[in-house]
PDB file of N, CA and C in Angstrom:
ATOM      1  N   MET A   1     -48.833  -7.932 -23.809  1.00  0.00           N
ATOM      2  CA  MET A   1     -47.429  -7.583 -24.014  1.00  0.00           C
ATOM      3  C   MET A   1     -47.247  -7.024 -25.422  1.00  0.00           C
ATOM      4  N   GLN A   2     -46.522  -5.919 -25.499  1.00  0.00           N
ATOM      5  CA  GLN A   2     -46.138  -5.376 -26.798  1.00  0.00           C
ATOM      6  C   GLN A   2     -44.916  -6.145 -27.283  1.00  0.00           C
ATOM      7  N   CYS A   3     -44.944  -6.558 -28.536  1.00  0.00           N
ATOM      8  CA  CYS A   3     -43.800  -7.295 -29.070  1.00  0.00           C
ATOM      9  C   CYS A   3     -43.304  -6.650 -30.359  1.00  0.00           C
ATOM     10  N   ALA A   4     -42.015  -6.835 -30.592  1.00  0.00           N
ATOM     11  CA  ALA A   4     -41.381  -6.365 -31.820  1.00  0.00           C
ATOM     12  C   ALA A   4     -41.256  -7.552 -32.760  1.00  0.00           C
ATOM     13  N   VAL A   5     -41.570  -7.314 -34.027  1.00  0.00           N
ATOM     14  CA  VAL A   5     -41.508  -8.357 -35.044  1.00  0.00           C
ATOM     15  C   VAL A   5     -40.366  -8.019 -36.001  1.00  0.00           C
ATOM     16  N   TYR A   6     -39.469  -8.990 -36.187  1.00  0.00           N
ATOM     17  CA  TYR A   6     -38.330  -8.833 -37.096  1.00  0.00           C
ATOM     18  C   TYR A   6     -38.525  -9.776 -38.272  1.00  0.00           C
ATOM     19  N   ASP A   7     -38.717  -9.206 -39.443  1.00  0.00           N
ATOM     20  CA  ASP A   7     -38.924  -9.954 -40.676  1.00  0.00           C
ATOM     21  C   ASP A   7     -37.564 -10.492 -41.125  1.00  0.00           C
ATOM     22  N   THR A   8     -37.477 -11.811 -41.318  1.00  0.00           N
ATOM     23  CA  THR A   8     -36.185 -12.451 -41.532  1.00  0.00           C
ATOM     24  C   THR A   8     -36.193 -13.340 -42.762  1.00  0.00           C
ATOM     25  N   TYR A   9     -35.174 -13.150 -43.603  1.00  0.00           N
ATOM     26  CA  TYR A   9     -34.962 -13.978 -44.792  1.00  0.00           C
ATOM     27  C   TYR A   9     -33.531 -14.482 -44.756  1.00  0.00           C
ATOM     28  N   VAL A  10     -33.371 -15.815 -44.749  1.00  0.00           N
ATOM     29  CA  VAL A  10     -32.040 -16.418 -44.680  1.00  0.00           C
ATOM     30  C   VAL A  10     -31.911 -17.430 -45.810  1.00  0.00           C
ATOM     31  N   ARG A  11     -30.793 -17.353 -46.548  1.00  0.00           N
ATOM     32  CA  ARG A  11     -30.518 -18.334 -47.599  1.00  0.00           C
ATOM     33  C   ARG A  11     -30.037 -19.624 -46.953  1.00  0.00           C
ATOM     34  N   LYS A  12     -30.715 -20.728 -47.266  1.00  0.00           N
ATOM     35  CA  LYS A  12     -30.359 -22.029 -46.717  1.00  0.00           C
ATOM     36  C   LYS A  12     -29.184 -22.633 -47.480  1.00  0.00           C
ATOM     37  N   LYS A  13     -28.627 -23.711 -46.924  1.00  0.00           N
ATOM     38  CA  LYS A  13     -27.498 -24.405 -47.561  1.00  0.00           C
ATOM     39  C   LYS A  13     -27.834 -24.859 -48.973  1.00  0.00           C
ATOM     40  N   ASP A  14     -29.086 -25.255 -49.210  1.00  0.00           N
ATOM     41  CA  ASP A  14     -29.473 -25.744 -50.538  1.00  0.00           C
ATOM     42  C   ASP A  14     -29.808 -24.611 -51.508  1.00  0.00           C
ATOM     43  N   GLY A  15     -29.667 -23.355 -51.071  1.00  0.00           N
ATOM     44  CA  GLY A  15     -29.910 -22.205 -51.934  1.00  0.00           C
ATOM     45  C   GLY A  15     -31.305 -21.621 -51.810  1.00  0.00           C
ATOM     46  N   ASP A  16     -32.253 -22.383 -51.265  1.00  0.00           N
ATOM     47  CA  ASP A  16     -33.595 -21.857 -51.049  1.00  0.00           C
ATOM     48  C   ASP A  16     -33.560 -20.815 -49.935  1.00  0.00           C
ATOM     49  N   VAL A  17     -34.654 -20.080 -49.801  1.00  0.00           N
ATOM     50  CA  VAL A  17     -34.739 -19.033 -48.786  1.00  0.00           C
ATOM     51  C   VAL A  17     -35.751 -19.432 -47.713  1.00  0.00           C
ATOM     52  N   MET A  18     -35.352 -19.237 -46.464  1.00  0.00           N
ATOM     53  CA  MET A  18     -36.262 -19.391 -45.328  1.00  0.00           C
ATOM     54  C   MET A  18     -36.771 -18.004 -44.957  1.00  0.00           C
ATOM     55  N   HIS A  19     -38.082 -17.893 -44.809  1.00  0.00           N
ATOM     56  CA  HIS A  19     -38.690 -16.632 -44.370  1.00  0.00           C
ATOM     57  C   HIS A  19     -39.398 -16.912 -43.059  1.00  0.00           C
ATOM     58  N   PHE A  20     -39.001 -16.192 -42.014  1.00  0.00           N
ATOM     59  CA  PHE A  20     -39.641 -16.336 -40.709  1.00  0.00           C
ATOM     60  C   PHE A  20     -39.550 -15.015 -39.973  1.00  0.00           C
ATOM     61  N   ASP A  21     -40.401 -14.862 -38.968  1.00  0.00           N
ATOM     62  CA  ASP A  21     -40.348 -13.689 -38.106  1.00  0.00           C
ATOM     63  C   ASP A  21     -39.769 -14.096 -36.763  1.00  0.00           C
ATOM     64  N   VAL A  22     -38.879 -13.252 -36.250  1.00  0.00           N
ATOM     65  CA  VAL A  22     -38.407 -13.390 -34.874  1.00  0.00           C
ATOM     66  C   VAL A  22     -39.236 -12.391 -34.075  1.00  0.00           C
ATOM     67  N   VAL A  23     -39.979 -12.891 -33.092  1.00  0.00           N
ATOM     68  CA  VAL A  23     -40.876 -12.041 -32.298  1.00  0.00           C
ATOM     69  C   VAL A  23     -40.343 -12.005 -30.868  1.00  0.00           C
ATOM     70  N   VAL A  24     -40.104 -10.801 -30.361  1.00  0.00           N
ATOM     71  CA  VAL A  24     -39.530 -10.603 -29.029  1.00  0.00           C
ATOM     72  C   VAL A  24     -40.299  -9.503 -28.305  1.00  0.00           C
ATOM     73  N   GLU A  25     -40.088  -9.400 -26.993  1.00  0.00           N
ATOM     74  CA  GLU A  25     -40.684  -8.298 -26.251  1.00  0.00           C
ATOM     75  C   GLU A  25     -40.175  -6.988 -26.851  1.00  0.00           C
ATOM     76  N   ALA A  26     -41.041  -5.990 -26.915  1.00  0.00           N
ATOM     77  CA  ALA A  26     -40.730  -4.744 -27.621  1.00  0.00           C
ATOM     78  C   ALA A  26     -39.431  -4.085 -27.164  1.00  0.00           C
ATOM     79  N   LYS A  27     -39.065  -4.207 -25.890  1.00  0.00           N
ATOM     80  CA  LYS A  27     -37.861  -3.533 -25.387  1.00  0.00           C
ATOM     81  C   LYS A  27     -36.572  -4.320 -25.662  1.00  0.00           C
ATOM     82  N   THR A  28     -36.683  -5.484 -26.284  1.00  0.00           N
ATOM     83  CA  THR A  28     -35.515  -6.325 -26.565  1.00  0.00           C
ATOM     84  C   THR A  28     -34.646  -5.680 -27.642  1.00  0.00           C
ATOM     85  N   PRO A  29     -33.328  -5.589 -27.428  1.00  0.00           N
ATOM     86  CA  PRO A  29     -32.444  -5.008 -28.454  1.00  0.00           C
ATOM     87  C   PRO A  29     -32.430  -5.847 -29.739  1.00  0.00           C
ATOM     88  N   HIS A  30     -32.232  -5.168 -30.865  1.00  0.00           N
ATOM     89  CA  HIS A  30     -32.178  -5.828 -32.174  1.00  0.00           C
ATOM     90  C   HIS A  30     -31.126  -6.940 -32.181  1.00  0.00           C
ATOM     91  N   GLU A  31     -29.979  -6.702 -31.565  1.00  0.00           N
ATOM     92  CA  GLU A  31     -28.901  -7.696 -31.538  1.00  0.00           C
ATOM     93  C   GLU A  31     -29.366  -8.992 -30.879  1.00  0.00           C
ATOM     94  N   LYS A  32     -30.209  -8.872 -29.865  1.00  0.00           N
ATOM     95  CA  LYS A  32     -30.723 -10.050 -29.167  1.00  0.00           C
ATOM     96  C   LYS A  32     -31.694 -10.813 -30.074  1.00  0.00           C
ATOM     97  N   ALA A  33     -32.495 -10.100 -30.851  1.00  0.00           N
ATOM     98  CA  ALA A  33     -33.399 -10.752 -31.805  1.00  0.00           C
ATOM     99  C   ALA A  33     -32.591 -11.544 -32.831  1.00  0.00           C
ATOM    100  N   ILE A  34     -31.471 -10.999 -33.270  1.00  0.00           N
ATOM    101  CA  ILE A  34     -30.599 -11.709 -34.207  1.00  0.00           C
ATOM    102  C   ILE A  34     -30.035 -12.965 -33.545  1.00  0.00           C
ATOM    103  N   GLU A  35     -29.617 -12.865 -32.292  1.00  0.00           N
ATOM    104  CA  GLU A  35     -29.123 -14.047 -31.559  1.00  0.00           C
ATOM    105  C   GLU A  35     -30.186 -15.132 -31.494  1.00  0.00           C
ATOM    106  N   PHE A  36     -31.432 -14.740 -31.218  1.00  0.00           N
ATOM    107  CA  PHE A  36     -32.520 -15.715 -31.157  1.00  0.00           C
ATOM    108  C   PHE A  36     -32.753 -16.350 -32.526  1.00  0.00           C
ATOM    109  N   GLY A  37     -32.658 -15.547 -33.572  1.00  0.00           N
ATOM    110  CA  GLY A  37     -32.807 -16.084 -34.921  1.00  0.00           C
ATOM    111  C   GLY A  37     -31.714 -17.094 -35.239  1.00  0.00           C
ATOM    112  N   LYS A  38     -30.492 -16.800 -34.823  1.00  0.00           N
ATOM    113  CA  LYS A  38     -29.377 -17.736 -35.030  1.00  0.00           C
ATOM    114  C   LYS A  38     -29.616 -19.026 -34.254  1.00  0.00           C
ATOM    115  N   LYS A  39     -30.153 -18.900 -33.058  1.00  0.00           N
ATOM    116  CA  LYS A  39     -30.463 -20.087 -32.243  1.00  0.00           C
ATOM    117  C   LYS A  39     -31.489 -20.963 -32.978  1.00  0.00           C
ATOM    118  N   TYR A  40     -32.499 -20.332 -33.558  1.00  0.00           N
ATOM    119  CA  TYR A  40     -33.485 -21.080 -34.331  1.00  0.00           C
ATOM    120  C   TYR A  40     -32.814 -21.765 -35.523  1.00  0.00           C
ATOM    121  N   LEU A  41     -31.965 -21.032 -36.241  1.00  0.00           N
ATOM    122  CA  LEU A  41     -31.280 -21.625 -37.398  1.00  0.00           C
ATOM    123  C   LEU A  41     -30.474 -22.853 -36.985  1.00  0.00           C
ATOM    124  N   GLU A  42     -29.774 -22.766 -35.856  1.00  0.00           N
ATOM    125  CA  GLU A  42     -29.021 -23.919 -35.358  1.00  0.00           C
ATOM    126  C   GLU A  42     -29.948 -25.095 -35.086  1.00  0.00           C
ATOM    127  N   SER A  43     -31.118 -24.834 -34.550  1.00  0.00           N
ATOM    128  CA  SER A  43     -32.054 -25.908 -34.197  1.00  0.00           C
ATOM    129  C   SER A  43     -32.608 -26.636 -35.418  1.00  0.00           C
ATOM    130  N   VAL A  44     -32.533 -26.005 -36.593  1.00  0.00           N
ATOM    131  CA  VAL A  44     -33.034 -26.637 -37.821  1.00  0.00           C
ATOM    132  C   VAL A  44     -31.914 -27.005 -38.782  1.00  0.00           C
ATOM    133  N   GLY A  45     -30.670 -27.051 -38.265  1.00  0.00           N
ATOM    134  CA  GLY A  45     -29.541 -27.488 -39.077  1.00  0.00           C
ATOM    135  C   GLY A  45     -29.009 -26.473 -40.060  1.00  0.00           C
ATOM    136  N   GLU A  46     -29.316 -25.198 -39.839  1.00  0.00           N
ATOM    137  CA  GLU A  46     -28.852 -24.131 -40.738  1.00  0.00           C
ATOM    138  C   GLU A  46     -28.004 -23.105 -39.983  1.00  0.00           C
ATOM    139  N   GLY A  47     -27.374 -23.542 -38.899  1.00  0.00           N
ATOM    140  CA  GLY A  47     -26.653 -22.638 -38.014  1.00  0.00           C
ATOM    141  C   GLY A  47     -25.488 -21.901 -38.626  1.00  0.00           C
ATOM    142  N   GLU A  48     -24.915 -22.436 -39.696  1.00  0.00           N
ATOM    143  CA  GLU A  48     -23.758 -21.767 -40.302  1.00  0.00           C
ATOM    144  C   GLU A  48     -24.159 -20.705 -41.333  1.00  0.00           C
ATOM    145  N   GLN A  49     -25.467 -20.554 -41.555  1.00  0.00           N
ATOM    146  CA  GLN A  49     -25.920 -19.564 -42.538  1.00  0.00           C
ATOM    147  C   GLN A  49     -25.830 -18.157 -41.956  1.00  0.00           C
ATOM    148  N   GLN A  50     -25.605 -17.192 -42.837  1.00  0.00           N
ATOM    149  CA  GLN A  50     -25.433 -15.796 -42.421  1.00  0.00           C
ATOM    150  C   GLN A  50     -26.746 -15.209 -41.923  1.00  0.00           C
ATOM    151  N   MET A  51     -26.662 -14.541 -40.785  1.00  0.00           N
ATOM    152  CA  MET A  51     -27.815 -13.816 -40.253  1.00  0.00           C
ATOM    153  C   MET A  51     -27.320 -12.560 -39.563  1.00  0.00           C
ATOM    154  N   THR A  52     -27.567 -11.428 -40.199  1.00  0.00           N
ATOM    155  CA  THR A  52     -27.150 -10.130 -39.691  1.00  0.00           C
ATOM    156  C   THR A  52     -28.376  -9.208 -39.701  1.00  0.00           C
ATOM    157  N   GLN A  53     -28.149  -7.924 -39.443  1.00  0.00           N
ATOM    158  CA  GLN A  53     -29.238  -6.950 -39.511  1.00  0.00           C
ATOM    159  C   GLN A  53     -29.815  -6.868 -40.917  1.00  0.00           C
ATOM    160  N   GLU A  54     -29.028  -7.258 -41.912  1.00  0.00           N
ATOM    161  CA  GLU A  54     -29.530  -7.243 -43.288  1.00  0.00           C
ATOM    162  C   GLU A  54     -30.587  -8.330 -43.507  1.00  0.00           C
ATOM    163  N   GLU A  55     -30.379  -9.508 -42.922  1.00  0.00           N
ATOM    164  CA  GLU A  55     -31.319 -10.617 -43.066  1.00  0.00           C
ATOM    165  C   GLU A  55     -32.494 -10.512 -42.088  1.00  0.00           C
ATOM    166  N   CYS A  56     -32.287  -9.861 -40.961  1.00  0.00           N
ATOM    167  CA  CYS A  56     -33.283  -9.784 -39.884  1.00  0.00           C
ATOM    168  C   CYS A  56     -33.578  -8.308 -39.612  1.00  0.00           C
ATOM    169  N   GLN A  57     -34.660  -7.811 -40.212  1.00  0.00           N
ATOM    170  CA  GLN A  57     -34.960  -6.389 -40.125  1.00  0.00           C
ATOM    171  C   GLN A  57     -36.230  -6.126 -39.324  1.00  0.00           C
ATOM    172  N   PHE A  58     -36.162  -5.071 -38.508  1.00  0.00           N
ATOM    173  CA  PHE A  58     -37.337  -4.674 -37.732  1.00  0.00           C
ATOM    174  C   PHE A  58     -38.494  -4.405 -38.685  1.00  0.00           C
ATOM    175  N   CYS A  59     -39.674  -4.911 -38.324  1.00  0.00           N
ATOM    176  CA  CYS A  59     -40.861  -4.722 -39.154  1.00  0.00           C
ATOM    177  C   CYS A  59     -41.892  -3.834 -38.448  1.00  0.00           C
ATOM    178  N   HIS A  60     -42.343  -4.255 -37.248  1.00  0.00           N
ATOM    179  CA  HIS A  60     -43.372  -3.485 -36.552  1.00  0.00           C
ATOM    180  C   HIS A  60     -43.516  -3.949 -35.107  1.00  0.00           C
ATOM    181  N   ILE A  61     -44.311  -3.175 -34.355  1.00  0.00           N
ATOM    182  CA  ILE A  61     -44.679  -3.497 -32.974  1.00  0.00           C
ATOM    183  C   ILE A  61     -46.156  -3.882 -32.992  1.00  0.00           C
ATOM    184  N   GLN A  62     -46.498  -4.925 -32.225  1.00  0.00           N
ATOM    185  CA  GLN A  62     -47.898  -5.320 -32.128  1.00  0.00           C
ATOM    186  C   GLN A  62     -48.162  -5.940 -30.765  1.00  0.00           C
ATOM    187  N   GLN A  63     -49.428  -6.114 -30.452  1.00  0.00           N
ATOM    188  CA  GLN A  63     -49.831  -6.809 -29.239  1.00  0.00           C
ATOM    189  C   GLN A  63     -49.638  -8.303 -29.475  1.00  0.00           C
ATOM    190  N   ALA A  64     -48.978  -8.984 -28.544  1.00  0.00           N
ATOM    191  CA  ALA A  64     -48.732 -10.422 -28.695  1.00  0.00           C
ATOM    192  C   ALA A  64     -49.974 -11.216 -28.302  1.00  0.00           C
ATOM    193  N   PRO A  65     -50.390 -12.155 -29.160  1.00  0.00           N
ATOM    194  CA  PRO A  65     -51.457 -13.072 -28.757  1.00  0.00           C
ATOM    195  C   PRO A  65     -50.984 -13.929 -27.573  1.00  0.00           C
ATOM    196  N   PRO A  66     -51.893 -14.487 -26.788  1.00  0.00           N
ATOM    197  CA  PRO A  66     -51.511 -15.232 -25.574  1.00  0.00           C
ATOM    198  C   PRO A  66     -50.471 -16.330 -25.799  1.00  0.00           C
ATOM    199  N   ARG A  67     -50.605 -17.128 -26.854  1.00  0.00           N
ATOM    200  CA  ARG A  67     -49.654 -18.224 -27.101  1.00  0.00           C
ATOM    201  C   ARG A  67     -48.241 -17.689 -27.371  1.00  0.00           C
ATOM    202  N   ILE A  68     -48.162 -16.633 -28.150  1.00  0.00           N
ATOM    203  CA  ILE A  68     -46.860 -16.042 -28.465  1.00  0.00           C
ATOM    204  C   ILE A  68     -46.279 -15.381 -27.218  1.00  0.00           C
ATOM    205  N   GLU A  69     -47.109 -14.688 -26.459  1.00  0.00           N
ATOM    206  CA  GLU A  69     -46.653 -14.056 -25.221  1.00  0.00           C
ATOM    207  C   GLU A  69     -46.081 -15.106 -24.268  1.00  0.00           C
ATOM    208  N   SER A  70     -46.739 -16.240 -24.168  1.00  0.00           N
ATOM    209  CA  SER A  70     -46.260 -17.319 -23.302  1.00  0.00           C
ATOM    210  C   SER A  70     -44.890 -17.813 -23.743  1.00  0.00           C
ATOM    211  N   ASP A  71     -44.704 -18.025 -25.053  1.00  0.00           N
ATOM    212  CA  ASP A  71     -43.393 -18.463 -25.560  1.00  0.00           C
ATOM    213  C   ASP A  71     -42.310 -17.422 -25.283  1.00  0.00           C
ATOM    214  N   ILE A  72     -42.650 -16.155 -25.464  1.00  0.00           N
ATOM    215  CA  ILE A  72     -41.668 -15.091 -25.211  1.00  0.00           C
ATOM    216  C   ILE A  72     -41.298 -15.071 -23.727  1.00  0.00           C
ATOM    217  N   GLN A  73     -42.276 -15.227 -22.846  1.00  0.00           N
ATOM    218  CA  GLN A  73     -41.986 -15.232 -21.415  1.00  0.00           C
ATOM    219  C   GLN A  73     -41.133 -16.436 -21.019  1.00  0.00           C
ATOM    220  N   ASN A  74     -41.376 -17.580 -21.646  1.00  0.00           N
ATOM    221  CA  ASN A  74     -40.642 -18.797 -21.302  1.00  0.00           C
ATOM    222  C   ASN A  74     -39.282 -18.912 -21.981  1.00  0.00           C
ATOM    223  N   ASN A  75     -39.176 -18.443 -23.239  1.00  0.00           N
ATOM    224  CA  ASN A  75     -37.961 -18.653 -24.032  1.00  0.00           C
ATOM    225  C   ASN A  75     -37.241 -17.364 -24.425  1.00  0.00           C
ATOM    226  N   GLY A  76     -37.907 -16.231 -24.278  1.00  0.00           N
ATOM    227  CA  GLY A  76     -37.313 -14.957 -24.682  1.00  0.00           C
ATOM    228  C   GLY A  76     -37.692 -14.546 -26.087  1.00  0.00           C
ATOM    229  N   TYR A  77     -38.265 -15.487 -26.867  1.00  0.00           N
ATOM    230  CA  TYR A  77     -38.614 -15.188 -28.252  1.00  0.00           C
ATOM    231  C   TYR A  77     -39.630 -16.201 -28.774  1.00  0.00           C
ATOM    232  N   TYR A  78     -40.173 -15.891 -29.951  1.00  0.00           N
ATOM    233  CA  TYR A  78     -41.077 -16.787 -30.658  1.00  0.00           C
ATOM    234  C   TYR A  78     -40.690 -16.716 -32.127  1.00  0.00           C
ATOM    235  N   ILE A  79     -40.707 -17.846 -32.819  1.00  0.00           N
ATOM    236  CA  ILE A  79     -40.443 -17.873 -34.254  1.00  0.00           C
ATOM    237  C   ILE A  79     -41.747 -18.150 -34.977  1.00  0.00           C
ATOM    238  N   GLN A  80     -42.137 -17.223 -35.847  1.00  0.00           N
ATOM    239  CA  GLN A  80     -43.301 -17.409 -36.713  1.00  0.00           C
ATOM    240  C   GLN A  80     -42.781 -17.892 -38.062  1.00  0.00           C
ATOM    241  N   LYS A  81     -42.935 -19.184 -38.327  1.00  0.00           N
ATOM    242  CA  LYS A  81     -42.446 -19.767 -39.581  1.00  0.00           C
ATOM    243  C   LYS A  81     -43.348 -19.317 -40.725  1.00  0.00           C
ATOM    244  N   MET A  82     -42.708 -18.957 -41.836  1.00  0.00           N
ATOM    245  CA  MET A  82     -43.461 -18.508 -43.004  1.00  0.00           C
ATOM    246  C   MET A  82     -43.168 -19.455 -44.174  1.00  0.00           C
ATOM    247  N   GLU A  83     -42.172 -19.115 -44.992  1.00  0.00           N
ATOM    248  CA  GLU A  83     -41.871 -19.890 -46.193  1.00  0.00           C
ATOM    249  C   GLU A  83     -40.510 -20.578 -46.064  1.00  0.00           C
ATOM    250  N   GLY A  84     -40.439 -21.801 -46.553  1.00  0.00           N
ATOM    251  CA  GLY A  84     -39.164 -22.506 -46.625  1.00  0.00           C
ATOM    252  C   GLY A  84     -38.630 -23.008 -45.305  1.00  0.00           C
ATOM    253  N   CYS A  85     -39.427 -22.941 -44.246  1.00  0.00           N
ATOM    254  CA  CYS A  85     -38.994 -23.397 -42.925  1.00  0.00           C
ATOM    255  C   CYS A  85     -39.355 -24.868 -42.739  1.00  0.00           C
ATOM    256  N   PRO A  86     -38.486 -25.633 -42.079  1.00  0.00           N
ATOM    257  CA  PRO A  86     -38.843 -27.017 -41.793  1.00  0.00           C
ATOM    258  C   PRO A  86     -40.058 -27.089 -40.881  1.00  0.00           C
ATOM    259  N   ALA A  87     -40.824 -28.152 -41.031  1.00  0.00           N
ATOM    260  CA  ALA A  87     -42.044 -28.320 -40.219  1.00  0.00           C
ATOM    261  C   ALA A  87     -41.747 -28.530 -38.758  1.00  0.00           C
TER     262      ALA A  87
END
């Protein structure tokens, strides 16, 4: 599966920055990737933080590894945690 990767930086309530990628099927609209990112933020207690096209920007298209492809098929998206994300 070809997937689109959206590089995302969101300022947390404590002022630190969370860096994560929202990974979706390549044909998924950007607005839907932002919705998925907001869903992730809600799941980690940061749901009220701003997330727009400015915070979540298209980065590239790549082939999804099997584990990521499975998550996308089951949930519609995958979150690749980078910096400042809760464990």
